[in-house]
């Protein structure tokens, strides 16, 4: 089963309020996905690469306290 078939199967079983939310999300992605300047970078990292990058940021980058003034 491909992703399209799996999505259709899930949507057939989903409640109407969830269908409305998914449809709204799809429309927003279609409207902005291709025109956003960062869209070309979407999906270039694997999940493990993204987690590694997040961990490096947490441990190696200076943290800013928004409550400190």
PDB file of N, CA and C in Angstrom:
ATOM      1  N   UNK A   1       0.850  -1.182   0.000  1.00  0.00           N
ATOM      2  CA  UNK A   1       0.000   0.000   0.000  1.00  0.00           C
ATOM      3  C   UNK A   1       0.893   1.240   0.000  1.00  0.00           C
ATOM      4  N   UNK A   2       0.637   2.152  -0.939  1.00  0.00           N
ATOM      5  CA  UNK A   2       1.437   3.375  -0.980  1.00  0.00           C
ATOM      6  C   UNK A   2       0.853   4.432  -0.028  1.00  0.00           C
ATOM      7  N   UNK A   3       1.549   5.552   0.086  1.00  0.00           N
ATOM      8  CA  UNK A   3       1.124   6.601   1.019  1.00  0.00           C
ATOM      9  C   UNK A   3      -0.249   7.160   0.680  1.00  0.00           C
ATOM     10  N   UNK A   4      -0.525   7.348  -0.601  1.00  0.00           N
ATOM     11  CA  UNK A   4      -1.827   7.890  -1.013  1.00  0.00           C
ATOM     12  C   UNK A   4      -2.954   6.951  -0.587  1.00  0.00           C
ATOM     13  N   UNK A   5      -2.766   5.664  -0.829  1.00  0.00           N
ATOM     14  CA  UNK A   5      -3.784   4.684  -0.463  1.00  0.00           C
ATOM     15  C   UNK A   5      -3.962   4.625   1.052  1.00  0.00           C
ATOM     16  N   UNK A   6      -2.853   4.701   1.772  1.00  0.00           N
ATOM     17  CA  UNK A   6      -2.920   4.666   3.230  1.00  0.00           C
ATOM     18  C   UNK A   6      -3.650   5.900   3.768  1.00  0.00           C
ATOM     19  N   UNK A   7      -3.370   7.063   3.183  1.00  0.00           N
ATOM     20  CA  UNK A   7      -4.039   8.295   3.605  1.00  0.00           C
ATOM     21  C   UNK A   7      -5.535   8.215   3.336  1.00  0.00           C
ATOM     22  N   UNK A   8      -5.901   7.739   2.165  1.00  0.00           N
ATOM     23  CA  UNK A   8      -7.316   7.606   1.819  1.00  0.00           C
ATOM     24  C   UNK A   8      -8.020   6.661   2.785  1.00  0.00           C
ATOM     25  N   UNK A   9      -7.367   5.572   3.112  1.00  0.00           N
ATOM     26  CA  UNK A   9      -7.949   4.610   4.056  1.00  0.00           C
ATOM     27  C   UNK A   9      -8.150   5.250   5.432  1.00  0.00           C
ATOM     28  N   UNK A  10      -7.155   6.015   5.884  1.00  0.00           N
ATOM     29  CA  UNK A  10      -7.274   6.689   7.182  1.00  0.00           C
ATOM     30  C   UNK A  10      -8.376   7.744   7.153  1.00  0.00           C
ATOM     31  N   UNK A  11      -8.465   8.496   6.054  1.00  0.00           N
ATOM     32  CA  UNK A  11      -9.479   9.541   5.949  1.00  0.00           C
ATOM     33  C   UNK A  11     -10.890   8.966   5.927  1.00  0.00           C
ATOM     34  N   UNK A  12     -11.051   7.812   5.331  1.00  0.00           N
ATOM     35  CA  UNK A  12     -12.374   7.190   5.285  1.00  0.00           C
ATOM     36  C   UNK A  12     -12.888   6.852   6.677  1.00  0.00           C
ATOM     37  N   UNK A  13     -11.978   6.648   7.619  1.00  0.00           N
ATOM     38  CA  UNK A  13     -12.369   6.276   8.977  1.00  0.00           C
ATOM     39  C   UNK A  13     -12.345   7.457   9.955  1.00  0.00           C
ATOM     40  N   UNK A  14     -11.862   8.603   9.503  1.00  0.00           N
ATOM     41  CA  UNK A  14     -11.702   9.760  10.386  1.00  0.00           C
ATOM     42  C   UNK A  14     -13.017  10.510  10.560  1.00  0.00           C
ATOM     43  N   UNK A  15     -13.198  11.142  11.737  1.00  0.00           N
ATOM     44  CA  UNK A  15     -14.398  11.959  11.953  1.00  0.00           C
ATOM     45  C   UNK A  15     -14.344  13.239  11.109  1.00  0.00           C
ATOM     46  N   UNK A  16     -15.511  13.822  10.855  1.00  0.00           N
ATOM     47  CA  UNK A  16     -15.621  14.992   9.981  1.00  0.00           C
ATOM     48  C   UNK A  16     -14.781  16.176  10.441  1.00  0.00           C
ATOM     49  N   UNK A  17     -14.680  16.410  11.764  1.00  0.00           N
ATOM     50  CA  UNK A  17     -13.892  17.545  12.236  1.00  0.00           C
ATOM     51  C   UNK A  17     -12.411  17.362  11.925  1.00  0.00           C
ATOM     52  N   UNK A  18     -11.917  16.144  11.960  1.00  0.00           N
ATOM     53  CA  UNK A  18     -10.531  15.880  11.599  1.00  0.00           C
ATOM     54  C   UNK A  18     -10.323  16.045  10.095  1.00  0.00           C
ATOM     55  N   UNK A  19     -11.296  15.620   9.306  1.00  0.00           N
ATOM     56  CA  UNK A  19     -11.219  15.793   7.850  1.00  0.00           C
ATOM     57  C   UNK A  19     -11.100  17.269   7.510  1.00  0.00           C
ATOM     58  N   UNK A  20     -11.888  18.097   8.180  1.00  0.00           N
ATOM     59  CA  UNK A  20     -11.846  19.537   7.938  1.00  0.00           C
ATOM     60  C   UNK A  20     -10.471  20.112   8.283  1.00  0.00           C
ATOM     61  N   UNK A  21      -9.891  19.667   9.392  1.00  0.00           N
ATOM     62  CA  UNK A  21      -8.567  20.137   9.801  1.00  0.00           C
ATOM     63  C   UNK A  21      -7.499  19.710   8.801  1.00  0.00           C
ATOM     64  N   UNK A  22      -7.562  18.466   8.366  1.00  0.00           N
ATOM     65  CA  UNK A  22      -6.589  17.954   7.396  1.00  0.00           C
ATOM     66  C   UNK A  22      -6.715  18.692   6.065  1.00  0.00           C
ATOM     67  N   UNK A  23      -7.931  18.927   5.630  1.00  0.00           N
ATOM     68  CA  UNK A  23      -8.157  19.637   4.374  1.00  0.00           C
ATOM     69  C   UNK A  23      -7.628  21.063   4.452  1.00  0.00           C
ATOM     70  N   UNK A  24      -7.872  21.744   5.569  1.00  0.00           N
ATOM     71  CA  UNK A  24      -7.362  23.091   5.764  1.00  0.00           C
ATOM     72  C   UNK A  24      -5.830  23.087   5.726  1.00  0.00           C
ATOM     73  N   UNK A  25      -5.215  22.129   6.405  1.00  0.00           N
ATOM     74  CA  UNK A  25      -3.761  22.017   6.404  1.00  0.00           C
ATOM     75  C   UNK A  25      -3.236  21.791   4.986  1.00  0.00           C
ATOM     76  N   UNK A  26      -3.859  20.896   4.255  1.00  0.00           N
ATOM     77  CA  UNK A  26      -3.439  20.605   2.888  1.00  0.00           C
ATOM     78  C   UNK A  26      -3.509  21.853   2.011  1.00  0.00           C
ATOM     79  N   UNK A  27      -4.581  22.608   2.150  1.00  0.00           N
ATOM     80  CA  UNK A  27      -4.725  23.838   1.360  1.00  0.00           C
ATOM     81  C   UNK A  27      -3.642  24.855   1.712  1.00  0.00           C
ATOM     82  N   UNK A  28      -3.328  24.987   2.997  1.00  0.00           N
ATOM     83  CA  UNK A  28      -2.282  25.935   3.400  1.00  0.00           C
ATOM     84  C   UNK A  28      -0.914  25.499   2.883  1.00  0.00           C
ATOM     85  N   UNK A  29      -0.634  24.222   2.944  1.00  0.00           N
ATOM     86  CA  UNK A  29       0.652  23.723   2.438  1.00  0.00           C
ATOM     87  C   UNK A  29       0.754  23.933   0.940  1.00  0.00           C
ATOM     88  N   UNK A  30      -0.315  23.662   0.231  1.00  0.00           N
ATOM     89  CA  UNK A  30      -0.309  23.860  -1.219  1.00  0.00           C
ATOM     90  C   UNK A  30      -0.120  25.330  -1.577  1.00  0.00           C
ATOM     91  N   UNK A  31      -0.704  26.206  -0.795  1.00  0.00           N
ATOM     92  CA  UNK A  31      -0.633  27.637  -1.098  1.00  0.00           C
ATOM     93  C   UNK A  31       0.738  28.225  -0.796  1.00  0.00           C
ATOM     94  N   UNK A  32       1.403  27.752   0.243  1.00  0.00           N
ATOM     95  CA  UNK A  32       2.671  28.360   0.649  1.00  0.00           C
ATOM     96  C   UNK A  32       3.875  27.464   0.409  1.00  0.00           C
ATOM     97  N   UNK A  33       3.667  26.186   0.260  1.00  0.00           N
ATOM     98  CA  UNK A  33       4.784  25.243   0.173  1.00  0.00           C
ATOM     99  C   UNK A  33       5.776  25.535  -0.917  1.00  0.00           C
ATOM    100  N   UNK A  34       5.320  25.855  -2.097  1.00  0.00           N
ATOM    101  CA  UNK A  34       6.231  26.070  -3.209  1.00  0.00           C
ATOM    102  C   UNK A  34       6.829  27.464  -3.229  1.00  0.00           C
ATOM    103  N   UNK A  35       6.174  28.417  -2.591  1.00  0.00           N
ATOM    104  CA  UNK A  35       6.651  29.790  -2.663  1.00  0.00           C
ATOM    105  C   UNK A  35       7.517  30.187  -1.469  1.00  0.00           C
ATOM    106  N   UNK A  36       7.506  29.415  -0.410  1.00  0.00           N
ATOM    107  CA  UNK A  36       8.296  29.761   0.766  1.00  0.00           C
ATOM    108  C   UNK A  36       9.777  29.573   0.442  1.00  0.00           C
ATOM    109  N   UNK A  37      10.617  30.531   0.824  1.00  0.00           N
ATOM    110  CA  UNK A  37      12.037  30.441   0.464  1.00  0.00           C
ATOM    111  C   UNK A  37      12.758  29.231   1.061  1.00  0.00           C
ATOM    112  N   UNK A  38      12.259  28.677   2.150  1.00  0.00           N
ATOM    113  CA  UNK A  38      12.905  27.516   2.764  1.00  0.00           C
ATOM    114  C   UNK A  38      12.307  26.192   2.303  1.00  0.00           C
ATOM    115  N   UNK A  39      11.289  26.237   1.460  1.00  0.00           N
ATOM    116  CA  UNK A  39      10.597  25.023   1.030  1.00  0.00           C
ATOM    117  C   UNK A  39      11.530  24.031   0.345  1.00  0.00           C
ATOM    118  N   UNK A  40      12.528  24.535  -0.367  1.00  0.00           N
ATOM    119  CA  UNK A  40      13.432  23.633  -1.085  1.00  0.00           C
ATOM    120  C   UNK A  40      14.279  22.789  -0.140  1.00  0.00           C
ATOM    121  N   UNK A  41      14.349  23.180   1.139  1.00  0.00           N
ATOM    122  CA  UNK A  41      15.135  22.426   2.106  1.00  0.00           C
ATOM    123  C   UNK A  41      14.305  21.423   2.902  1.00  0.00           C
ATOM    124  N   UNK A  42      13.021  21.441   2.703  1.00  0.00           N
ATOM    125  CA  UNK A  42      12.143  20.563   3.459  1.00  0.00           C
ATOM    126  C   UNK A  42      12.443  19.099   3.160  1.00  0.00           C
ATOM    127  N   UNK A  43      12.631  18.326   4.221  1.00  0.00           N
ATOM    128  CA  UNK A  43      12.839  16.891   4.078  1.00  0.00           C
ATOM    129  C   UNK A  43      14.245  16.463   3.708  1.00  0.00           C
ATOM    130  N   UNK A  44      15.225  17.371   3.778  1.00  0.00           N
ATOM    131  CA  UNK A  44      16.574  16.968   3.375  1.00  0.00           C
ATOM    132  C   UNK A  44      17.328  16.243   4.480  1.00  0.00           C
ATOM    133  N   UNK A  45      16.855  16.351   5.721  1.00  0.00           N
ATOM    134  CA  UNK A  45      17.485  15.633   6.824  1.00  0.00           C
ATOM    135  C   UNK A  45      16.675  14.402   7.185  1.00  0.00           C
ATOM    136  N   UNK A  46      17.381  13.326   7.501  1.00  0.00           N
ATOM    137  CA  UNK A  46      16.685  12.149   8.019  1.00  0.00           C
ATOM    138  C   UNK A  46      16.296  12.450   9.469  1.00  0.00           C
ATOM    139  N   UNK A  47      15.440  11.630  10.045  1.00  0.00           N
ATOM    140  CA  UNK A  47      15.037  11.833  11.444  1.00  0.00           C
ATOM    141  C   UNK A  47      16.250  11.787  12.368  1.00  0.00           C
ATOM    142  N   UNK A  48      17.160  10.852  12.125  1.00  0.00           N
ATOM    143  CA  UNK A  48      18.337  10.737  12.993  1.00  0.00           C
ATOM    144  C   UNK A  48      19.257  11.943  12.839  1.00  0.00           C
ATOM    145  N   UNK A  49      19.407  12.458  11.622  1.00  0.00           N
ATOM    146  CA  UNK A  49      20.225  13.655  11.411  1.00  0.00           C
ATOM    147  C   UNK A  49      19.597  14.857  12.106  1.00  0.00           C
ATOM    148  N   UNK A  50      18.280  14.976  12.038  1.00  0.00           N
ATOM    149  CA  UNK A  50      17.588  16.088  12.692  1.00  0.00           C
ATOM    150  C   UNK A  50      17.750  16.005  14.208  1.00  0.00           C
ATOM    151  N   UNK A  51      17.636  14.815  14.769  1.00  0.00           N
ATOM    152  CA  UNK A  51      17.817  14.641  16.219  1.00  0.00           C
ATOM    153  C   UNK A  51      19.243  14.974  16.636  1.00  0.00           C
ATOM    154  N   UNK A  52      20.204  14.559  15.830  1.00  0.00           N
ATOM    155  CA  UNK A  52      21.604  14.861  16.113  1.00  0.00           C
ATOM    156  C   UNK A  52      21.841  16.365  16.091  1.00  0.00           C
ATOM    157  N   UNK A  53      21.258  17.045  15.128  1.00  0.00           N
ATOM    158  CA  UNK A  53      21.401  18.494  15.028  1.00  0.00           C
ATOM    159  C   UNK A  53      20.748  19.189  16.219  1.00  0.00           C
ATOM    160  N   UNK A  54      19.565  18.736  16.615  1.00  0.00           N
ATOM    161  CA  UNK A  54      18.890  19.313  17.778  1.00  0.00           C
ATOM    162  C   UNK A  54      19.731  19.132  19.036  1.00  0.00           C
ATOM    163  N   UNK A  55      20.318  17.961  19.201  1.00  0.00           N
ATOM    164  CA  UNK A  55      21.146  17.698  20.380  1.00  0.00           C
ATOM    165  C   UNK A  55      22.381  18.595  20.379  1.00  0.00           C
ATOM    166  N   UNK A  56      23.001  18.766  19.226  1.00  0.00           N
ATOM    167  CA  UNK A  56      24.173  19.639  19.134  1.00  0.00           C
ATOM    168  C   UNK A  56      23.808  21.074  19.491  1.00  0.00           C
ATOM    169  N   UNK A  57      22.668  21.526  19.045  1.00  0.00           N
ATOM    170  CA  UNK A  57      22.220  22.884  19.368  1.00  0.00           C
ATOM    171  C   UNK A  57      21.997  23.023  20.862  1.00  0.00           C
ATOM    172  N   UNK A  58      21.358  22.037  21.478  1.00  0.00           N
ATOM    173  CA  UNK A  58      21.084  22.093  22.919  1.00  0.00           C
ATOM    174  C   UNK A  58      22.358  22.112  23.741  1.00  0.00           C
ATOM    175  N   UNK A  59      23.345  21.332  23.351  1.00  0.00           N
ATOM    176  CA  UNK A  59      24.549  21.200  24.175  1.00  0.00           C
ATOM    177  C   UNK A  59      25.641  22.206  23.836  1.00  0.00           C
ATOM    178  N   UNK A  60      25.713  22.663  22.604  1.00  0.00           N
ATOM    179  CA  UNK A  60      26.846  23.479  22.191  1.00  0.00           C
ATOM    180  C   UNK A  60      26.530  24.951  21.940  1.00  0.00           C
ATOM    181  N   UNK A  61      25.273  25.308  21.884  1.00  0.00           N
ATOM    182  CA  UNK A  61      24.921  26.696  21.612  1.00  0.00           C
ATOM    183  C   UNK A  61      24.527  27.410  22.895  1.00  0.00           C
ATOM    184  N   UNK A  62      24.859  28.668  22.963  1.00  0.00           N
ATOM    185  CA  UNK A  62      24.519  29.480  24.127  1.00  0.00           C
ATOM    186  C   UNK A  62      23.005  29.641  24.206  1.00  0.00           C
ATOM    187  N   UNK A  63      22.467  29.471  25.371  1.00  0.00           N
ATOM    188  CA  UNK A  63      21.033  29.606  25.585  1.00  0.00           C
ATOM    189  C   UNK A  63      20.717  31.016  26.053  1.00  0.00           C
ATOM    190  N   UNK A  64      19.652  31.586  25.547  1.00  0.00           N
ATOM    191  CA  UNK A  64      19.225  32.925  25.933  1.00  0.00           C
ATOM    192  C   UNK A  64      18.006  32.808  26.824  1.00  0.00           C
ATOM    193  N   UNK A  65      18.064  33.421  27.973  1.00  0.00           N
ATOM    194  CA  UNK A  65      16.951  33.417  28.917  1.00  0.00           C
ATOM    195  C   UNK A  65      16.048  34.598  28.577  1.00  0.00           C
ATOM    196  N   UNK A  66      14.843  34.317  28.092  1.00  0.00           N
ATOM    197  CA  UNK A  66      13.938  35.404  27.697  1.00  0.00           C
ATOM    198  C   UNK A  66      13.438  36.200  28.895  1.00  0.00           C
ATOM    199  N   UNK A  67      13.537  35.639  30.105  1.00  0.00           N
ATOM    200  CA  UNK A  67      13.085  36.350  31.309  1.00  0.00           C
ATOM    201  C   UNK A  67      14.169  37.277  31.857  1.00  0.00           C
ATOM    202  N   UNK A  68      15.394  37.120  31.397  1.00  0.00           N
ATOM    203  CA  UNK A  68      16.495  37.940  31.861  1.00  0.00           C
ATOM    204  C   UNK A  68      16.485  39.275  31.132  1.00  0.00           C
ATOM    205  N   UNK A  69      16.516  40.362  31.872  1.00  0.00           N
ATOM    206  CA  UNK A  69      16.493  41.696  31.253  1.00  0.00           C
ATOM    207  C   UNK A  69      17.449  42.606  31.916  1.00  0.00           C
TER     208      UNK A  69
END
